[in-house]
C-alpha atoms as a PDB file:
ATOM      1  CA  UNK A   1       0.000   0.000   0.000  1.00  0.00           C
ATOM      2  CA  UNK A   2       1.187   3.511  -0.700  1.00  0.00           C
ATOM      3  CA  UNK A   3      -0.096   6.726   0.815  1.00  0.00           C
ATOM      4  CA  UNK A   4      -0.251   9.885  -1.245  1.00  0.00           C
ATOM      5  CA  UNK A   5       1.415  12.687   0.713  1.00  0.00           C
ATOM      6  CA  UNK A   6       3.413  12.698   3.912  1.00  0.00           C
ATOM      7  CA  UNK A   7       1.440  10.681   6.464  1.00  0.00           C
ATOM      8  CA  UNK A   8       3.187  12.347   9.421  1.00  0.00           C
ATOM      9  CA  UNK A   9       2.228  15.818   8.178  1.00  0.00           C
ATOM     10  CA  UNK A  10      -1.315  14.700   7.397  1.00  0.00           C
ATOM     11  CA  UNK A  11      -1.814  13.269  10.898  1.00  0.00           C
ATOM     12  CA  UNK A  12      -0.077  16.219  12.605  1.00  0.00           C
ATOM     13  CA  UNK A  13      -2.285  18.677  10.762  1.00  0.00           C
ATOM     14  CA  UNK A  14      -5.435  16.745  11.610  1.00  0.00           C
ATOM     15  CA  UNK A  15      -4.512  16.502  15.318  1.00  0.00           C
ATOM     16  CA  UNK A  16      -3.654  20.221  15.482  1.00  0.00           C
ATOM     17  CA  UNK A  17      -6.900  21.116  13.721  1.00  0.00           C
ATOM     18  CA  UNK A  18      -8.968  18.896  16.026  1.00  0.00           C
ATOM     19  CA  UNK A  19      -7.352  20.299  19.146  1.00  0.00           C
ATOM     20  CA  UNK A  20      -7.709  23.907  17.952  1.00  0.00           C
ATOM     21  CA  UNK A  21     -11.451  23.280  17.529  1.00  0.00           C
ATOM     22  CA  UNK A  22     -11.425  22.457  21.245  1.00  0.00           C
ATOM     23  CA  UNK A  23      -9.628  25.740  22.073  1.00  0.00           C
ATOM     24  CA  UNK A  24      -6.116  24.294  22.426  1.00  0.00           C
ATOM     25  CA  UNK A  25      -3.146  25.899  20.722  1.00  0.00           C
ATOM     26  CA  UNK A  26       0.209  24.424  19.753  1.00  0.00           C
ATOM     27  CA  UNK A  27       3.550  25.843  20.775  1.00  0.00           C
ATOM     28  CA  UNK A  28       7.148  24.753  20.285  1.00  0.00           C
ATOM     29  CA  UNK A  29       8.503  26.893  23.108  1.00  0.00           C
ATOM     30  CA  UNK A  30       8.425  24.251  25.852  1.00  0.00           C
ATOM     31  CA  UNK A  31       7.341  26.923  28.303  1.00  0.00           C
ATOM     32  CA  UNK A  32       6.046  24.491  30.924  1.00  0.00           C
ATOM     33  CA  UNK A  33       2.771  23.772  29.135  1.00  0.00           C
ATOM     34  CA  UNK A  34       1.428  20.264  28.678  1.00  0.00           C
ATOM     35  CA  UNK A  35       3.110  18.182  25.977  1.00  0.00           C
ATOM     36  CA  UNK A  36       1.475  15.792  23.535  1.00  0.00           C
ATOM     37  CA  UNK A  37       3.400  13.144  21.611  1.00  0.00           C
ATOM     38  CA  UNK A  38       1.564  11.239  18.894  1.00  0.00           C
ATOM     39  CA  UNK A  39       3.023   8.069  17.391  1.00  0.00           C
ATOM     40  CA  UNK A  40       1.745   6.299  14.291  1.00  0.00           C
ATOM     41  CA  UNK A  41       1.661   2.634  15.246  1.00  0.00           C
ATOM     42  CA  UNK A  42      -0.157   0.811  12.453  1.00  0.00           C
ATOM     43  CA  UNK A  43      -1.577   1.278   8.977  1.00  0.00           C
ATOM     44  CA  UNK A  44      -2.930  -1.811   7.303  1.00  0.00           C
ATOM     45  CA  UNK A  45      -5.375  -2.754   4.590  1.00  0.00           C
ATOM     46  CA  UNK A  46      -6.812  -6.226   4.122  1.00  0.00           C
ATOM     47  CA  UNK A  47      -8.903  -7.509   1.242  1.00  0.00           C
ATOM     48  CA  UNK A  48     -10.586 -10.773   2.151  1.00  0.00           C
ATOM     49  CA  UNK A  49     -12.180 -12.114  -1.010  1.00  0.00           C
ATOM     50  CA  UNK A  50     -14.811 -14.828  -0.959  1.00  0.00           C
ATOM     51  CA  UNK A  51     -16.522 -16.563  -3.842  1.00  0.00           C
ATOM     52  CA  UNK A  52     -19.128 -13.840  -4.582  1.00  0.00           C
ATOM     53  CA  UNK A  53     -17.977 -10.913  -2.495  1.00  0.00           C
ATOM     54  CA  UNK A  54     -15.324  -9.858  -0.078  1.00  0.00           C
ATOM     55  CA  UNK A  55     -14.533  -7.575   2.804  1.00  0.00           C
ATOM     56  CA  UNK A  56     -12.136  -4.655   2.889  1.00  0.00           C
ATOM     57  CA  UNK A  57     -10.791  -3.678   6.298  1.00  0.00           C
ATOM     58  CA  UNK A  58      -8.479  -0.684   6.748  1.00  0.00           C
ATOM     59  CA  UNK A  59      -6.977  -0.100  10.192  1.00  0.00           C
ATOM     60  CA  UNK A  60      -4.976   2.829  11.551  1.00  0.00           C
ATOM     61  CA  UNK A  61      -3.570   3.126  15.074  1.00  0.00           C
ATOM     62  CA  UNK A  62      -2.145   6.085  16.946  1.00  0.00           C
ATOM     63  CA  UNK A  63      -0.615   6.276  20.382  1.00  0.00           C
ATOM     64  CA  UNK A  64      -1.161   9.544  22.210  1.00  0.00           C
ATOM     65  CA  UNK A  65       1.009  10.409  25.214  1.00  0.00           C
ATOM     66  CA  UNK A  66       0.398  13.501  27.325  1.00  0.00           C
ATOM     67  CA  UNK A  67       2.602  14.947  30.036  1.00  0.00           C
ATOM     68  CA  UNK A  68       0.760  17.729  31.829  1.00  0.00           C
ATOM     69  CA  UNK A  69       2.410  20.799  33.294  1.00  0.00           C
ATOM     70  CA  UNK A  70       1.588  19.291  36.720  1.00  0.00           C
ATOM     71  CA  UNK A  71       3.462  16.089  35.912  1.00  0.00           C
ATOM     72  CA  UNK A  72       0.442  13.893  35.174  1.00  0.00           C
ATOM     73  CA  UNK A  73       1.059  11.256  32.502  1.00  0.00           C
ATOM     74  CA  UNK A  74      -1.642   9.782  30.278  1.00  0.00           C
ATOM     75  CA  UNK A  75      -1.194   7.376  27.361  1.00  0.00           C
ATOM     76  CA  UNK A  76      -3.775   5.729  25.159  1.00  0.00           C
ATOM     77  CA  UNK A  77      -4.040   3.850  21.864  1.00  0.00           C
ATOM     78  CA  UNK A  78      -6.604   5.019  19.328  1.00  0.00           C
ATOM     79  CA  UNK A  79      -7.680   2.551  16.673  1.00  0.00           C
ATOM     80  CA  UNK A  80      -9.522   3.679  13.581  1.00  0.00           C
ATOM     81  CA  UNK A  81     -11.244   1.149  11.363  1.00  0.00           C
ATOM     82  CA  UNK A  82     -13.072   1.289   8.068  1.00  0.00           C
ATOM     83  CA  UNK A  83     -14.759  -1.889   6.864  1.00  0.00           C
ATOM     84  CA  UNK A  84     -17.003  -2.503   3.870  1.00  0.00           C
ATOM     85  CA  UNK A  85     -18.290  -5.354   1.736  1.00  0.00           C
ATOM     86  CA  UNK A  86     -16.966  -5.548  -1.810  1.00  0.00           C
ATOM     87  CA  UNK A  87     -17.946  -7.209  -5.031  1.00  0.00           C
ATOM     88  CA  UNK A  88     -14.878  -6.010  -6.941  1.00  0.00           C
ATOM     89  CA  UNK A  89     -11.378  -4.968  -5.917  1.00  0.00           C
ATOM     90  CA  UNK A  90     -11.506  -1.199  -5.238  1.00  0.00           C
ATOM     91  CA  UNK A  91      -9.671   1.364  -7.349  1.00  0.00           C
ATOM     92  CA  UNK A  92      -6.714   3.255  -5.902  1.00  0.00           C
ATOM     93  CA  UNK A  93      -8.890   6.361  -5.486  1.00  0.00           C
ATOM     94  CA  UNK A  94     -11.542   4.437  -3.566  1.00  0.00           C
ATOM     95  CA  UNK A  95      -8.878   2.770  -1.425  1.00  0.00           C
ATOM     96  CA  UNK A  96      -7.397   6.194  -0.554  1.00  0.00           C
ATOM     97  CA  UNK A  97     -10.857   7.288   0.611  1.00  0.00           C
ATOM     98  CA  UNK A  98     -11.229   4.191   2.784  1.00  0.00           C
ATOM     99  CA  UNK A  99      -7.777   4.619   4.367  1.00  0.00           C
ATOM    100  CA  UNK A 100      -8.553   8.297   5.002  1.00  0.00           C
ATOM    101  CA  UNK A 101     -11.700   7.305   6.865  1.00  0.00           C
ATOM    102  CA  UNK A 102      -9.722   4.939   9.129  1.00  0.00           C
ATOM    103  CA  UNK A 103      -7.142   7.692   9.802  1.00  0.00           C
ATOM    104  CA  UNK A 104      -9.896  10.226  10.546  1.00  0.00           C
ATOM    105  CA  UNK A 105     -11.602   7.767  12.904  1.00  0.00           C
ATOM    106  CA  UNK A 106      -8.394   7.320  14.900  1.00  0.00           C
ATOM    107  CA  UNK A 107      -7.591  11.051  15.043  1.00  0.00           C
ATOM    108  CA  UNK A 108     -11.168  11.895  16.072  1.00  0.00           C
ATOM    109  CA  UNK A 109     -10.941   9.422  18.936  1.00  0.00           C
ATOM    110  CA  UNK A 110      -7.714  11.056  20.149  1.00  0.00           C
ATOM    111  CA  UNK A 111      -9.013  14.643  20.049  1.00  0.00           C
ATOM    112  CA  UNK A 112     -12.311  13.573  21.665  1.00  0.00           C
ATOM    113  CA  UNK A 113     -10.773  11.608  24.563  1.00  0.00           C
ATOM    114  CA  UNK A 114     -11.876  13.433  27.736  1.00  0.00           C
ATOM    115  CA  UNK A 115      -8.954  12.084  29.780  1.00  0.00           C
ATOM    116  CA  UNK A 116      -6.457  13.252  27.152  1.00  0.00           C
ATOM    117  CA  UNK A 117      -8.088  16.683  26.971  1.00  0.00           C
ATOM    118  CA  UNK A 118      -7.997  17.011  30.784  1.00  0.00           C
ATOM    119  CA  UNK A 119      -4.296  16.100  30.803  1.00  0.00           C
ATOM    120  CA  UNK A 120      -3.562  18.690  28.118  1.00  0.00           C
ATOM    121  CA  UNK A 121      -5.560  21.334  30.017  1.00  0.00           C
ATOM    122  CA  UNK A 122      -3.552  20.908  33.263  1.00  0.00           C
END
């Protein structure tokens, strides 16, 4: 599988955008504010073809690690999944759309995690 674009930049931009929608801002100054580290852990696509139809399953995993300004640590894995039934092997364009949905699912889980948001707000 290939990904069009730089996956790290795509995920970083999506995380920053999601957090800014929740009134967080990013800084590289290290001025004692909370820190968030995001690691890409998995990107996989599986086509399981049967006799008449098949299943496509795209998975994307992120690990989010927060260290609050008060010293609190919080880590969590966020798994995004897109699954659909198929009758034909998807085109590259369709596959990109499916992978994007799995990535978006994972990122949305990270930026919606109440415990992560509390850690970042400390």
